[in-house]
Amino acid sequence: MIENMIEVRLNTDYLKNKKNLDVLAEKVVYTGLIDAYFDYMLEPLEYRSVCFEVEHLNIDNFQGNAAVNYTDCDTPYTRIIEHKWFEFGKDDEGNDIPTTKQLTDKEANMIFGRLAEYKYYYIDSVIVYALNRTFSFQILLTNIQI
């Protein structure tokens, strides 16, 4: 269905060729660093890379706290979480990056990586969001003259 409808350019530095490339598309999916896109004009954004390992222990109390952080170089992990000690309350929108979000919202023809949002998602929410986003692209594609 979309064969020959999307041009893919490999080994192309979008930011160095932005002016020439932007005229070729109604929408651009930019997956590079948002800091670089805005020429590092704001404080550097924090980027995270994490790996989770889950262990189920058949004991009442392993550490007595919800979270214990390990900051020494000899421990191969940074934190142990014992979920049963957490109080479950309202959602914490702690990943808001308002200044960068305001800048990206002004870029109407750009879609920035990670679902173009500044949130952590549960996988079911990611699937729903991606399907909704795909549906909006399908509407856009039906309006393109081929």
C-alpha atoms as a PDB file:
ATOM      1  CA  MET A   1       0.000   0.000   0.000  1.00  0.00           C
ATOM      2  CA  ILE A   2       2.725   2.502   0.839  1.00  0.00           C
ATOM      3  CA  GLU A   3       5.369   1.144  -1.520  1.00  0.00           C
ATOM      4  CA  ASN A   4       7.330   4.020  -3.068  1.00  0.00           C
ATOM      5  CA  MET A   5       5.419   6.545  -0.958  1.00  0.00           C
ATOM      6  CA  ILE A   6       8.095   7.160   1.651  1.00  0.00           C
ATOM      7  CA  GLU A   7      11.624   8.102   0.738  1.00  0.00           C
ATOM      8  CA  VAL A   8      14.273   6.856   3.146  1.00  0.00           C
ATOM      9  CA  ARG A   9      17.733   8.405   3.154  1.00  0.00           C
ATOM     10  CA  LEU A  10      20.482   6.594   5.000  1.00  0.00           C
ATOM     11  CA  ASN A  11      23.727   8.172   6.227  1.00  0.00           C
ATOM     12  CA  THR A  12      22.220  11.628   5.837  1.00  0.00           C
ATOM     13  CA  ASP A  13      22.702  14.275   8.502  1.00  0.00           C
ATOM     14  CA  TYR A  14      19.257  15.835   8.703  1.00  0.00           C
ATOM     15  CA  LEU A  15      20.407  18.867  10.685  1.00  0.00           C
ATOM     16  CA  LYS A  16      23.136  19.722   8.166  1.00  0.00           C
ATOM     17  CA  ASN A  17      20.621  19.383   5.309  1.00  0.00           C
ATOM     18  CA  LYS A  18      17.491  20.593   7.126  1.00  0.00           C
ATOM     19  CA  LYS A  19      16.607  23.437   4.785  1.00  0.00           C
ATOM     20  CA  ASN A  20      16.772  21.273   1.653  1.00  0.00           C
ATOM     21  CA  LEU A  21      15.059  18.268   3.229  1.00  0.00           C
ATOM     22  CA  ASP A  22      12.175  20.140   4.866  1.00  0.00           C
ATOM     23  CA  VAL A  23      10.788  21.275   1.521  1.00  0.00           C
ATOM     24  CA  LEU A  24      10.436  17.637   0.439  1.00  0.00           C
ATOM     25  CA  ALA A  25       7.935  16.567   3.095  1.00  0.00           C
ATOM     26  CA  GLU A  26       4.754  17.626   4.846  1.00  0.00           C
ATOM     27  CA  LYS A  27       5.875  15.773   7.995  1.00  0.00           C
ATOM     28  CA  VAL A  28       9.312  14.731   9.165  1.00  0.00           C
ATOM     29  CA  VAL A  29       9.915  12.050  11.776  1.00  0.00           C
ATOM     30  CA  TYR A  30      12.995  13.240  13.649  1.00  0.00           C
ATOM     31  CA  THR A  31      14.543  10.630  15.929  1.00  0.00           C
ATOM     32  CA  GLY A  32      17.756  12.458  16.783  1.00  0.00           C
ATOM     33  CA  LEU A  33      18.541  14.377  19.954  1.00  0.00           C
ATOM     34  CA  ILE A  34      16.031  17.157  20.562  1.00  0.00           C
ATOM     35  CA  ASP A  35      18.867  19.183  22.130  1.00  0.00           C
ATOM     36  CA  ALA A  36      20.736  19.058  18.817  1.00  0.00           C
ATOM     37  CA  TYR A  37      17.620  19.984  16.831  1.00  0.00           C
ATOM     38  CA  PHE A  38      17.343  23.207  18.826  1.00  0.00           C
ATOM     39  CA  ASP A  39      21.119  23.780  18.604  1.00  0.00           C
ATOM     40  CA  TYR A  40      21.623  23.149  22.342  1.00  0.00           C
ATOM     41  CA  MET A  41      19.959  26.472  23.237  1.00  0.00           C
ATOM     42  CA  LEU A  42      18.512  25.113  26.522  1.00  0.00           C
ATOM     43  CA  GLU A  43      19.925  23.163  29.424  1.00  0.00           C
ATOM     44  CA  PRO A  44      20.984  19.685  28.288  1.00  0.00           C
ATOM     45  CA  LEU A  45      18.166  17.177  28.487  1.00  0.00           C
ATOM     46  CA  GLU A  46      18.670  14.079  30.562  1.00  0.00           C
ATOM     47  CA  TYR A  47      18.578  10.864  28.573  1.00  0.00           C
ATOM     48  CA  ARG A  48      17.996   7.585  30.304  1.00  0.00           C
ATOM     49  CA  SER A  49      18.908   4.067  29.472  1.00  0.00           C
ATOM     50  CA  VAL A  50      17.800   1.472  31.970  1.00  0.00           C
ATOM     51  CA  CYS A  51      17.559  -2.272  32.282  1.00  0.00           C
ATOM     52  CA  PHE A  52      15.147  -3.907  34.700  1.00  0.00           C
ATOM     53  CA  GLU A  53      15.550  -7.340  36.214  1.00  0.00           C
ATOM     54  CA  VAL A  54      12.636  -8.732  38.206  1.00  0.00           C
ATOM     55  CA  GLU A  55      13.005 -11.256  40.996  1.00  0.00           C
ATOM     56  CA  HIS A  56      10.123 -12.637  43.032  1.00  0.00           C
ATOM     57  CA  LEU A  57      11.263 -13.570  46.527  1.00  0.00           C
ATOM     58  CA  ASN A  58       9.168 -15.823  48.727  1.00  0.00           C
ATOM     59  CA  ILE A  59       9.813 -13.815  51.919  1.00  0.00           C
ATOM     60  CA  ASP A  60       7.776 -11.227  53.804  1.00  0.00           C
ATOM     61  CA  ASN A  61      10.457  -8.557  53.976  1.00  0.00           C
ATOM     62  CA  PHE A  62      13.649  -8.293  51.944  1.00  0.00           C
ATOM     63  CA  GLN A  63      14.844  -4.763  52.698  1.00  0.00           C
ATOM     64  CA  GLY A  64      12.104  -3.014  54.690  1.00  0.00           C
ATOM     65  CA  ASN A  65      11.895  -0.069  52.302  1.00  0.00           C
ATOM     66  CA  ALA A  66      10.306   0.638  48.957  1.00  0.00           C
ATOM     67  CA  ALA A  67      13.654   1.554  47.391  1.00  0.00           C
ATOM     68  CA  VAL A  68      17.290   1.270  48.367  1.00  0.00           C
ATOM     69  CA  ASN A  69      19.845   3.048  46.173  1.00  0.00           C
ATOM     70  CA  TYR A  70      23.379   1.748  45.688  1.00  0.00           C
ATOM     71  CA  THR A  71      25.903   4.411  44.713  1.00  0.00           C
ATOM     72  CA  ASP A  72      29.175   2.518  45.025  1.00  0.00           C
ATOM     73  CA  CYS A  73      31.174   1.396  41.998  1.00  0.00           C
ATOM     74  CA  ASP A  74      31.319  -2.234  43.108  1.00  0.00           C
ATOM     75  CA  THR A  75      27.564  -2.880  42.963  1.00  0.00           C
ATOM     76  CA  PRO A  76      26.423  -3.730  39.417  1.00  0.00           C
ATOM     77  CA  TYR A  77      23.010  -2.075  39.877  1.00  0.00           C
ATOM     78  CA  THR A  78      21.768   1.263  41.146  1.00  0.00           C
ATOM     79  CA  ARG A  79      18.583   0.386  43.001  1.00  0.00           C
ATOM     80  CA  ILE A  80      16.489  -2.387  44.470  1.00  0.00           C
ATOM     81  CA  ILE A  81      12.753  -1.782  44.537  1.00  0.00           C
ATOM     82  CA  GLU A  82      10.374  -3.678  46.793  1.00  0.00           C
ATOM     83  CA  HIS A  83       6.987  -2.697  45.369  1.00  0.00           C
ATOM     84  CA  LYS A  84       4.839  -3.804  48.287  1.00  0.00           C
ATOM     85  CA  TRP A  85       6.132  -0.873  50.362  1.00  0.00           C
ATOM     86  CA  PHE A  86       4.917   1.795  47.911  1.00  0.00           C
ATOM     87  CA  GLU A  87       1.783   3.773  48.633  1.00  0.00           C
ATOM     88  CA  PHE A  88      -0.296   3.802  45.489  1.00  0.00           C
ATOM     89  CA  GLY A  89      -1.816   7.202  44.861  1.00  0.00           C
ATOM     90  CA  LYS A  90      -2.209   9.652  42.036  1.00  0.00           C
ATOM     91  CA  ASP A  91       0.001   9.624  38.966  1.00  0.00           C
ATOM     92  CA  ASP A  92       3.156  11.700  39.173  1.00  0.00           C
ATOM     93  CA  GLU A  93       3.769  13.706  36.016  1.00  0.00           C
ATOM     94  CA  GLY A  94       7.421  14.034  36.995  1.00  0.00           C
ATOM     95  CA  ASN A  95       8.801  13.837  33.462  1.00  0.00           C
ATOM     96  CA  ASP A  96       7.498  17.171  32.239  1.00  0.00           C
ATOM     97  CA  ILE A  97       9.979  19.198  30.233  1.00  0.00           C
ATOM     98  CA  PRO A  98       7.858  22.284  29.595  1.00  0.00           C
ATOM     99  CA  THR A  99      10.356  24.541  27.844  1.00  0.00           C
ATOM    100  CA  THR A 100      11.409  21.911  25.334  1.00  0.00           C
ATOM    101  CA  LYS A 101       7.776  20.827  24.912  1.00  0.00           C
ATOM    102  CA  GLN A 102       6.824  24.412  24.060  1.00  0.00           C
ATOM    103  CA  LEU A 103       9.563  24.489  21.422  1.00  0.00           C
ATOM    104  CA  THR A 104       8.618  21.150  19.878  1.00  0.00           C
ATOM    105  CA  ASP A 105       4.932  22.113  19.774  1.00  0.00           C
ATOM    106  CA  LYS A 106       5.847  25.051  17.528  1.00  0.00           C
ATOM    107  CA  GLU A 107       7.376  22.661  14.972  1.00  0.00           C
ATOM    108  CA  ALA A 108       4.099  21.694  13.278  1.00  0.00           C
ATOM    109  CA  ASN A 109       5.641  19.524  10.560  1.00  0.00           C
ATOM    110  CA  MET A 110       7.933  17.599  12.910  1.00  0.00           C
ATOM    111  CA  ILE A 111       7.352  14.458  14.923  1.00  0.00           C
ATOM    112  CA  PHE A 112      10.013  13.930  17.537  1.00  0.00           C
ATOM    113  CA  GLY A 113      11.037  10.490  18.798  1.00  0.00           C
ATOM    114  CA  ARG A 114       9.607   8.441  21.664  1.00  0.00           C
ATOM    115  CA  LEU A 115       6.008   8.898  20.510  1.00  0.00           C
ATOM    116  CA  ALA A 116       6.640  12.644  20.308  1.00  0.00           C
ATOM    117  CA  GLU A 117       5.885  12.942  24.017  1.00  0.00           C
ATOM    118  CA  TYR A 118       7.834  13.431  27.223  1.00  0.00           C
ATOM    119  CA  LYS A 119       6.327  10.626  29.259  1.00  0.00           C
ATOM    120  CA  TYR A 120       6.990   7.135  30.388  1.00  0.00           C
ATOM    121  CA  TYR A 121       4.290   4.790  29.173  1.00  0.00           C
ATOM    122  CA  TYR A 122       2.993   1.388  30.099  1.00  0.00           C
ATOM    123  CA  ILE A 123       3.095  -0.844  27.027  1.00  0.00           C
ATOM    124  CA  ASP A 124      -0.708  -0.966  26.645  1.00  0.00           C
ATOM    125  CA  SER A 125      -0.751   2.835  26.454  1.00  0.00           C
ATOM    126  CA  VAL A 126       2.062   2.783  23.882  1.00  0.00           C
ATOM    127  CA  ILE A 127       0.065   0.429  21.670  1.00  0.00           C
ATOM    128  CA  VAL A 128      -3.091   2.562  21.899  1.00  0.00           C
ATOM    129  CA  TYR A 129      -1.129   5.756  21.215  1.00  0.00           C
ATOM    130  CA  ALA A 130       0.735   4.205  18.274  1.00  0.00           C
ATOM    131  CA  LEU A 131      -2.509   2.915  16.742  1.00  0.00           C
ATOM    132  CA  ASN A 132      -4.131   6.335  17.084  1.00  0.00           C
ATOM    133  CA  ARG A 133      -1.057   7.974  15.569  1.00  0.00           C
ATOM    134  CA  THR A 134      -1.072   5.457  12.711  1.00  0.00           C
ATOM    135  CA  PHE A 135      -4.738   6.199  12.065  1.00  0.00           C
ATOM    136  CA  SER A 136      -3.976   9.923  11.765  1.00  0.00           C
ATOM    137  CA  PHE A 137      -1.164   9.121   9.298  1.00  0.00           C
ATOM    138  CA  GLN A 138      -3.558   6.965   7.262  1.00  0.00           C
ATOM    139  CA  ILE A 139      -5.908   9.928   6.987  1.00  0.00           C
ATOM    140  CA  LEU A 140      -2.980  12.085   5.887  1.00  0.00           C
ATOM    141  CA  LEU A 141      -1.907   9.485   3.311  1.00  0.00           C
ATOM    142  CA  THR A 142      -5.401   9.244   1.810  1.00  0.00           C
ATOM    143  CA  ASN A 143      -5.247  12.970   1.104  1.00  0.00           C
ATOM    144  CA  ILE A 144      -1.938  12.704  -0.792  1.00  0.00           C
ATOM    145  CA  GLN A 145      -2.196  12.606  -4.573  1.00  0.00           C
ATOM    146  CA  ILE A 146      -0.149   9.712  -5.974  1.00  0.00           C
END
